Amino acid sequence: MGDELVKCQRCGAEIKSYSPMRKWCVECRHAISLEQAKARKLAKRNGSPKLN
C-alpha cells in the first residue's frame, strides 16, 4: 500500500511515495522550502501585518 506511484503536484514527475502526505518530488520540495524562507524573510523585513 505504501509503494504506489504519486505524481509531484508541482512538476508532475512520478515519485515513489512512502507517505500518503507526499505531494512533491525532492527537487520541488527543496525549491519550495527556499521560496517559503524568502517569503518569510521578506514579510519579516516589511513588517507584514499577518505575522504581527
N, C-alpha and C. Protein backbone atom coordinates (compact mmCIF):
# COMPACT_ATOMS: atom_id res chain seq x y z
N MET A 1 0.82 -1.21 0.00
CA MET A 1 0.00 0.00 0.00
C MET A 1 0.86 1.26 0.00
N GLY A 2 2.06 1.21 0.60
CA GLY A 2 2.90 2.39 0.69
C GLY A 2 3.82 2.58 -0.49
N ASP A 3 3.66 1.77 -1.55
CA ASP A 3 4.57 1.90 -2.68
C ASP A 3 3.87 2.28 -3.99
N GLU A 4 2.69 2.89 -3.89
CA GLU A 4 2.02 3.34 -5.11
C GLU A 4 2.71 4.60 -5.64
N LEU A 5 2.65 4.76 -6.97
CA LEU A 5 3.29 5.93 -7.57
C LEU A 5 2.37 7.14 -7.44
N VAL A 6 2.97 8.25 -7.08
CA VAL A 6 2.25 9.50 -6.92
C VAL A 6 2.94 10.52 -7.80
N LYS A 7 2.18 11.45 -8.37
CA LYS A 7 2.80 12.50 -9.20
C LYS A 7 3.02 13.75 -8.36
N CYS A 8 4.17 14.37 -8.60
CA CYS A 8 4.51 15.63 -7.94
C CYS A 8 3.47 16.67 -8.36
N GLN A 9 2.91 17.40 -7.40
CA GLN A 9 1.89 18.39 -7.71
C GLN A 9 2.47 19.65 -8.34
N ARG A 10 3.79 19.77 -8.31
CA ARG A 10 4.41 20.95 -8.88
C ARG A 10 4.91 20.71 -10.31
N CYS A 11 5.67 19.61 -10.52
CA CYS A 11 6.26 19.38 -11.84
C CYS A 11 5.67 18.17 -12.56
N GLY A 12 4.91 17.34 -11.86
CA GLY A 12 4.28 16.19 -12.50
C GLY A 12 5.15 14.95 -12.57
N ALA A 13 6.37 15.01 -12.02
CA ALA A 13 7.25 13.84 -12.03
C ALA A 13 6.66 12.76 -11.12
N GLU A 14 6.85 11.51 -11.53
CA GLU A 14 6.35 10.42 -10.69
C GLU A 14 7.31 10.22 -9.53
N ILE A 15 6.74 10.09 -8.34
CA ILE A 15 7.55 9.83 -7.16
C ILE A 15 7.03 8.58 -6.49
N LYS A 16 7.93 7.77 -6.00
CA LYS A 16 7.53 6.57 -5.29
C LYS A 16 7.24 7.00 -3.86
N SER A 17 5.98 7.02 -3.53
CA SER A 17 5.55 7.58 -2.25
C SER A 17 5.64 6.57 -1.13
N TYR A 18 6.35 6.93 -0.07
CA TYR A 18 6.36 6.09 1.13
C TYR A 18 5.50 6.74 2.20
N SER A 19 4.83 7.83 1.82
CA SER A 19 3.97 8.54 2.75
C SER A 19 2.74 9.05 1.99
N PRO A 20 1.55 8.85 2.53
CA PRO A 20 0.36 9.35 1.84
C PRO A 20 0.31 10.88 1.78
N MET A 21 1.13 11.55 2.57
CA MET A 21 1.14 13.01 2.59
C MET A 21 2.10 13.60 1.56
N ARG A 22 2.85 12.74 0.87
CA ARG A 22 3.85 13.22 -0.09
C ARG A 22 3.17 13.93 -1.25
N LYS A 23 3.55 15.19 -1.51
CA LYS A 23 2.95 15.95 -2.60
C LYS A 23 3.97 16.33 -3.67
N TRP A 24 5.24 16.44 -3.29
CA TRP A 24 6.25 16.96 -4.20
C TRP A 24 7.47 16.05 -4.26
N CYS A 25 8.18 16.10 -5.39
CA CYS A 25 9.43 15.36 -5.52
C CYS A 25 10.51 16.09 -4.71
N VAL A 26 11.66 15.46 -4.56
CA VAL A 26 12.73 16.03 -3.73
C VAL A 26 13.16 17.41 -4.24
N GLU A 27 13.32 17.54 -5.56
CA GLU A 27 13.78 18.82 -6.12
C GLU A 27 12.77 19.94 -5.85
N CYS A 28 11.49 19.64 -6.05
CA CYS A 28 10.46 20.65 -5.82
C CYS A 28 10.34 20.99 -4.34
N ARG A 29 10.47 19.98 -3.47
CA ARG A 29 10.40 20.27 -2.03
C ARG A 29 11.50 21.23 -1.64
N HIS A 30 12.70 21.03 -2.19
CA HIS A 30 13.82 21.92 -1.87
C HIS A 30 13.54 23.33 -2.37
N ALA A 31 13.06 23.44 -3.61
CA ALA A 31 12.75 24.75 -4.19
C ALA A 31 11.65 25.45 -3.41
N ILE A 32 10.62 24.71 -3.02
CA ILE A 32 9.51 25.28 -2.26
C ILE A 32 9.99 25.78 -0.91
N SER A 33 10.85 25.01 -0.24
CA SER A 33 11.33 25.44 1.07
C SER A 33 12.15 26.72 0.95
N LEU A 34 12.93 26.85 -0.12
CA LEU A 34 13.70 28.08 -0.34
C LEU A 34 12.77 29.26 -0.59
N GLU A 35 11.73 29.05 -1.42
CA GLU A 35 10.76 30.12 -1.70
C GLU A 35 10.05 30.56 -0.43
N GLN A 36 9.66 29.60 0.41
CA GLN A 36 8.96 29.94 1.64
C GLN A 36 9.87 30.69 2.60
N ALA A 37 11.15 30.31 2.64
CA ALA A 37 12.10 31.01 3.51
C ALA A 37 12.28 32.45 3.05
N LYS A 38 12.38 32.65 1.73
CA LYS A 38 12.49 34.01 1.19
C LYS A 38 11.26 34.83 1.53
N ALA A 39 10.08 34.23 1.38
CA ALA A 39 8.84 34.93 1.67
C ALA A 39 8.76 35.32 3.15
N ARG A 40 9.17 34.41 4.03
CA ARG A 40 9.16 34.73 5.47
C ARG A 40 10.13 35.85 5.79
N LYS A 41 11.29 35.81 5.15
CA LYS A 41 12.30 36.84 5.39
C LYS A 41 11.79 38.21 4.93
N LEU A 42 11.18 38.24 3.73
CA LEU A 42 10.62 39.49 3.21
C LEU A 42 9.50 40.00 4.10
N ALA A 43 8.62 39.11 4.51
CA ALA A 43 7.49 39.50 5.35
C ALA A 43 7.98 40.07 6.67
N LYS A 44 9.01 39.45 7.22
CA LYS A 44 9.56 39.92 8.49
C LYS A 44 10.19 41.30 8.32
N ARG A 45 10.92 41.48 7.22
CA ARG A 45 11.59 42.75 6.97
C ARG A 45 10.58 43.86 6.71
N ASN A 46 9.49 43.52 6.02
CA ASN A 46 8.48 44.52 5.67
C ASN A 46 7.45 44.73 6.77
N GLY A 47 7.55 43.98 7.85
CA GLY A 47 6.60 44.13 8.94
C GLY A 47 5.19 43.75 8.54
N SER A 48 5.06 42.61 7.91
CA SER A 48 3.75 42.15 7.45
C SER A 48 2.75 42.08 8.60
N PRO A 49 1.56 42.66 8.41
CA PRO A 49 0.55 42.63 9.48
C PRO A 49 0.04 41.22 9.78
N LYS A 50 0.20 40.29 8.81
CA LYS A 50 -0.24 38.91 9.05
C LYS A 50 0.57 38.25 10.15
N LEU A 51 1.84 38.59 10.24
CA LEU A 51 2.72 37.93 11.20
C LEU A 51 2.76 38.62 12.56
N ASN A 52 2.29 39.85 12.62
CA ASN A 52 2.37 40.60 13.88
C ASN A 52 1.14 40.42 14.73
